[in-house]
Protein backbone atom coordinates (compact mmCIF):
# COMPACT_ATOMS: atom_id res chain seq x y z
CA MET A 1 0.00 0.00 0.00
CA SER A 2 1.23 3.50 -0.85
CA ARG A 3 1.54 6.26 1.72
CA ALA A 4 2.36 9.93 1.67
CA GLY A 5 5.87 11.19 2.46
CA ALA A 6 7.68 14.51 2.87
CA PHE A 7 10.78 15.47 0.84
CA PHE A 8 13.07 18.29 1.99
CA ASP A 9 15.73 20.11 0.02
CA LEU A 10 18.85 20.73 2.13
CA ASP A 11 20.62 24.00 1.24
CA ARG A 12 18.66 27.11 2.30
CA THR A 13 15.66 24.91 3.13
CA LEU A 14 16.55 22.55 5.96
CA MET A 15 19.64 24.63 6.76
CA ALA A 16 20.78 28.23 6.47
CA GLY A 17 23.15 28.73 3.55
CA SER A 18 24.95 26.05 1.59
CA SER A 19 26.39 22.77 2.85
CA GLY A 20 29.07 23.24 0.18
CA VAL A 21 30.90 25.92 2.13
CA HIS A 22 31.22 23.55 5.08
CA PHE A 23 32.57 20.86 2.78
CA GLY A 24 35.08 23.46 1.57
CA ARG A 25 36.24 24.20 5.09
CA ALA A 26 36.60 20.52 5.90
CA ALA A 27 38.48 19.96 2.62
CA TYR A 28 40.82 22.85 3.40
CA ARG A 29 41.58 21.54 6.87
CA SER A 30 42.31 18.12 5.39
CA GLY A 31 44.71 19.65 2.84
CA MET A 32 42.56 18.84 -0.21
CA VAL A 33 42.10 22.45 -1.32
CA SER A 34 44.20 25.61 -1.22
CA ARG A 35 43.57 28.90 0.54
CA GLY A 36 42.71 30.56 -2.79
CA GLN A 37 40.17 27.87 -3.68
CA MET A 38 38.55 28.18 -0.27
CA THR A 39 38.22 31.94 -0.74
CA ARG A 40 36.56 31.45 -4.13
CA TRP A 41 34.13 28.97 -2.60
CA ALA A 42 33.32 31.46 0.16
CA ILE A 43 32.45 34.06 -2.48
CA ASP A 44 30.31 31.51 -4.32
CA HIS A 45 28.58 30.76 -1.02
CA LEU A 46 27.81 34.45 -0.54
CA ARG A 47 26.26 34.63 -4.00
CA PHE A 48 24.21 31.51 -3.31
CA ARG A 49 23.23 32.84 0.11
CA LEU A 50 21.81 36.04 -1.37
CA ARG A 51 20.24 34.92 -4.65
CA GLY A 52 20.24 31.13 -4.85
CA SER A 53 21.93 28.89 -7.40
CA THR A 54 21.78 28.94 -11.20
CA ASP A 55 22.32 26.29 -13.86
CA SER A 56 25.69 27.80 -14.78
CA ASP A 57 26.71 27.64 -11.10
CA THR A 58 25.78 23.97 -11.08
CA ASP A 59 27.75 23.19 -14.25
CA GLU A 60 30.78 24.86 -12.70
CA LEU A 61 30.26 22.86 -9.52
CA VAL A 62 30.32 19.58 -11.45
CA ARG A 63 33.57 20.62 -13.14
CA GLN A 64 35.16 21.60 -9.83
CA VAL A 65 34.11 18.35 -8.19
CA LYS A 66 35.59 16.38 -11.09
CA ASP A 67 38.93 18.17 -10.66
CA LEU A 68 38.84 17.88 -6.88
CA LEU A 69 37.84 14.24 -6.43
CA ASP A 70 39.71 12.54 -9.27
CA GLY A 71 42.02 10.01 -7.62
CA VAL A 72 41.11 10.90 -4.03
CA PRO A 73 40.66 7.85 -1.74
CA GLU A 74 37.07 7.36 -0.57
CA ARG A 75 38.38 6.89 2.96
CA ARG A 76 39.80 10.42 2.96
CA LEU A 77 36.36 11.96 2.47
CA LYS A 78 34.85 9.70 5.11
CA ARG A 79 37.37 11.05 7.59
CA MET A 80 36.12 14.58 6.85
CA VAL A 81 32.54 13.74 7.88
CA PRO A 82 32.77 14.74 11.59
CA ASP A 83 34.18 18.15 10.63
CA LEU A 84 31.52 18.57 7.96
CA LEU A 85 28.65 17.70 10.30
CA ALA A 86 30.04 20.08 12.92
CA GLY A 87 29.54 22.90 10.41
CA ILE A 88 26.12 21.84 9.12
CA LEU A 89 24.22 20.83 12.26
CA PRO A 90 24.26 24.27 13.96
CA ARG A 91 22.79 25.73 10.75
CA ILE A 92 19.70 23.49 10.71
CA TYR A 93 16.54 25.59 11.04
CA PRO A 94 14.55 24.71 14.20
CA GLN A 95 11.37 25.59 12.30
CA MET A 96 12.14 22.92 9.71
CA ILE A 97 12.87 20.30 12.34
CA ASP A 98 9.43 21.09 13.77
CA GLU A 99 8.00 20.56 10.28
CA VAL A 100 9.81 17.22 9.96
CA ARG A 101 8.51 16.08 13.35
CA ALA A 102 4.95 17.12 12.49
CA HIS A 103 5.01 14.87 9.42
CA GLN A 104 6.48 12.01 11.41
CA ASP A 105 3.79 12.39 14.08
CA GLU A 106 1.20 12.04 11.30
CA GLY A 107 2.85 8.81 10.21
CA ARG A 108 4.57 10.20 7.11
CA PRO A 109 8.23 9.25 6.42
CA THR A 110 10.62 12.14 5.79
CA PHE A 111 13.54 12.35 3.36
CA ILE A 112 16.29 14.78 2.34
CA VAL A 113 16.77 15.37 -1.40
CA SER A 114 19.94 17.29 -2.27
CA ALA A 115 22.70 17.75 -4.81
CA ALA A 116 25.14 17.17 -1.95
CA GLY A 117 26.95 13.83 -1.80
CA ASP A 118 24.70 10.84 -1.11
CA GLY A 119 26.87 9.68 1.79
CA ILE A 120 26.58 12.91 3.78
CA VAL A 121 22.89 13.33 2.85
CA SER A 122 22.01 9.85 4.11
CA LEU A 123 24.15 10.29 7.22
CA LEU A 124 22.59 13.67 7.99
CA ALA A 125 19.12 12.18 7.57
CA GLY A 126 20.06 9.55 10.14
CA VAL A 127 21.42 12.13 12.58
CA LEU A 128 18.18 14.13 12.27
CA ASP A 129 16.13 10.95 12.78
CA MET A 130 14.65 11.20 9.31
CA ASP A 131 13.85 8.15 7.21
CA GLY A 132 16.38 8.48 4.40
CA GLY A 133 18.21 10.66 1.95
CA ILE A 134 18.69 11.04 -1.79
CA GLY A 135 21.98 12.65 -2.81
CA THR A 136 24.45 12.73 -5.68
CA ARG A 137 26.59 9.63 -6.04
CA TYR A 138 30.17 9.66 -7.29
CA GLN A 139 31.99 6.82 -9.00
CA VAL A 140 34.63 4.90 -7.04
CA ASP A 141 37.11 2.66 -8.86
CA ALA A 142 38.27 -0.82 -7.87
CA GLU A 143 41.09 0.63 -5.73
CA GLY A 144 38.64 2.67 -3.65
CA ASN A 145 39.46 6.02 -5.25
CA TYR A 146 36.99 8.54 -6.66
CA THR A 147 37.08 8.99 -10.43
CA GLY A 148 35.44 12.44 -10.26
CA TYR A 149 32.54 11.29 -12.43
CA LEU A 150 28.90 11.15 -11.33
CA ASP A 151 27.15 7.85 -10.77
CA GLY A 152 23.56 8.36 -11.88
CA GLY A 153 23.54 12.08 -12.54
CA LEU A 154 23.41 15.21 -10.40
CA VAL A 155 20.46 15.35 -7.99
CA TYR A 156 19.60 18.93 -8.92
CA GLY A 157 16.73 20.68 -10.69
CA GLU A 158 15.11 18.35 -13.22
CA GLY A 159 17.57 15.71 -12.08
CA LYS A 160 15.74 15.31 -8.77
CA VAL A 161 12.59 14.01 -10.44
CA PRO A 162 13.75 10.55 -11.64
CA HIS A 163 15.60 9.97 -8.38
CA MET A 164 12.48 10.81 -6.35
CA GLN A 165 10.28 8.68 -8.60
CA ARG A 166 12.51 5.63 -8.24
CA PHE A 167 12.85 6.22 -4.51
CA ALA A 168 9.07 6.59 -4.09
CA GLU A 169 8.41 3.39 -6.01
CA ALA A 170 10.95 1.47 -3.94
CA HIS A 171 9.53 2.76 -0.65
CA GLY A 172 5.83 2.68 -1.47
CA ILE A 173 5.41 6.48 -1.48
CA ASP A 174 2.44 8.12 -3.22
CA LEU A 175 3.93 11.32 -4.66
CA GLU A 176 0.50 12.81 -5.43
CA ALA A 177 -0.29 12.72 -1.72
CA SER A 178 3.19 13.81 -0.60
CA TRP A 179 4.86 17.08 0.42
CA ALA A 180 8.03 18.72 -0.91
CA TYR A 181 9.93 21.71 0.50
CA SER A 182 12.43 23.99 -1.27
CA ASP A 183 13.66 27.57 -1.46
CA SER A 184 14.66 27.89 -5.12
CA ALA A 185 12.95 28.10 -8.50
CA SER A 186 15.49 25.52 -9.68
CA ASP A 187 13.49 23.02 -7.61
CA LEU A 188 10.17 23.68 -9.37
CA PRO A 189 10.27 20.18 -10.93
CA MET A 190 10.58 18.68 -7.43
CA LEU A 191 7.76 20.84 -6.08
CA GLU A 192 5.49 20.11 -9.04
CA LEU A 193 6.03 16.38 -8.63
CA VAL A 194 4.04 16.23 -5.38
CA GLY A 195 0.52 17.17 -4.39
CA ASN A 196 1.57 19.49 -1.56
CA PRO A 197 4.44 21.83 -2.49
CA VAL A 198 5.77 24.19 0.20
CA VAL A 199 8.25 27.01 -0.44
CA VAL A 200 10.71 28.00 2.30
CA ASN A 201 12.32 31.45 2.40
CA PRO A 202 11.89 31.50 -1.41
CA ASP A 203 13.95 33.36 -3.97
CA ALA A 204 12.07 36.02 -5.94
CA GLU A 205 11.13 33.77 -8.85
CA LEU A 206 9.81 30.97 -6.67
CA ALA A 207 7.94 33.44 -4.45
CA GLU A 208 6.09 34.73 -7.52
CA VAL A 209 5.21 31.20 -8.66
CA ALA A 210 3.96 30.32 -5.18
CA LYS A 211 1.80 33.45 -5.11
CA GLN A 212 0.26 32.66 -8.49
CA ARG A 213 -0.45 29.03 -7.62
CA GLY A 214 -1.53 29.54 -4.02
CA TRP A 215 1.23 27.39 -2.54
CA ARG A 216 2.05 27.53 1.12
CA VAL A 217 4.99 29.84 1.94
CA MET A 218 7.17 29.60 5.06
CA ARG A 219 9.30 32.65 5.89
CA PHE A 220 11.58 32.79 8.91
CA GLU A 221 14.99 33.73 7.48
CA LYS A 222 16.59 36.14 9.95
CA LEU A 223 19.98 36.60 8.32
CA GLY A 224 20.02 40.00 6.57
CA ARG A 225 22.21 40.92 3.63
CA ARG A 226 24.75 42.77 5.79
CA LEU A 227 25.13 39.85 8.15
CA ALA A 228 25.44 37.46 5.22
CA VAL A 229 28.22 39.55 3.72
CA ALA A 230 30.03 39.90 7.05
CA GLY A 231 29.76 36.19 7.80
CA THR A 232 31.07 35.15 4.42
CA VAL A 233 34.00 37.60 4.53
CA ILE A 234 34.95 36.15 7.91
CA ALA A 235 34.66 32.63 6.50
CA ALA A 236 36.84 33.51 3.54
CA GLY A 237 39.45 35.16 5.73
CA ALA A 238 39.54 32.56 8.45
CA ILE A 239 39.51 29.66 5.93
CA GLY A 240 38.40 27.13 8.41
CA GLY A 241 40.39 28.57 11.29
CA SER A 242 39.31 31.01 13.96
CA GLY A 243 38.80 34.73 13.55
CA THR A 244 41.09 35.33 16.49
CA TRP A 245 43.89 33.49 14.72
CA LEU A 246 43.45 35.73 11.70
CA ALA A 247 43.41 38.84 13.89
CA ALA A 248 46.57 37.70 15.63
CA ARG A 249 48.26 37.28 12.24
CA ARG A 250 47.22 40.79 11.19
CA ARG A 251 48.08 42.75 14.34
CA PRO A 252 51.89 42.47 14.12
CA ARG A 253 51.87 43.60 10.48
CA ALA A 254 49.68 46.59 11.30
CA SER A 255 51.96 47.58 14.20
CA ALA A 256 55.06 47.29 12.03
CA GLY A 257 53.46 49.52 9.45
CA ARG A 258 52.74 52.20 11.99
CA LEU A 259 56.32 52.07 13.24
CA ARG A 260 57.65 52.46 9.70
CA ARG A 261 55.42 55.47 9.11
CA ARG A 262 56.63 57.02 12.34
C-alpha cells in the first residue's frame, strides 16, 4: 500500500546557507584544497546565500568536483565527515525540524533530497532521525578512489525528479499525496512532482510562482544581507580557522606599518 511522504531540500531549506561551504572548510583543513580555492568557494557561497543557485553555477560545480575528487581515496572523504557535520548541524533551522517532526507524528516518512553527496545526505538524515536521503553519487574505482565522475547524474533541478520517482516506487510512497519543501525556482520540478508543495524562504522567482499558484509559503529567514556579507567575509578570511587566529596574524603587520610610518 502506498503512503504519503515529505521530501526536503537541504541547502537554504533545511539549513541556512549552503552545505558546500562547510565541505570546503573541511576539505581545506584536510589539505585537499588551497587557501585561494577556499576563498573562491566562500564568495560563491555568498552569491548563493543572497540569490540562490543557477544552472551555470551547477555546471561549474560539477567541473570543480571532477577536478577535486579525481584520484582521491574514498576513505579520505569519510574522515572529513565529523568536521563537515560540525559545520552543518548548527545551521539546521529549528522551524524545519518542527515541520519534519509534524510529518512524522502524522505517520509520514521524511527524506532529504539534495545535490550534496549521497553519503553525507544519508548520514545527515540519520542524525536528524529522518527516514532516508537522496543525494548525488560519485563513481569509485576498484582501488577505492573517486574517479570524479557522477554515478547516476546530479540530484539537482530536473535531475531530482527521476531519483524521487525511483525512490518513491521502492519505498511505497504516493507522490501525489506527498509534500516537498524547497527555497529555489530551480526546484520547481521537485515541487510540481508532489501534491503538496511548500516554499521556504523562497527566492524572488519561486515566491512569484507560489503566489500565483496559491502554494504555502514559510518565511523565517533572519539573516540579513549585511550579516550574510560579514559572515562570508569572515569565513573567507579565516579559511576554516578562527577569527582570532586571523586577527593575531594581522596585528603584528599593522603595528610594524605604523612604526615604519613614524
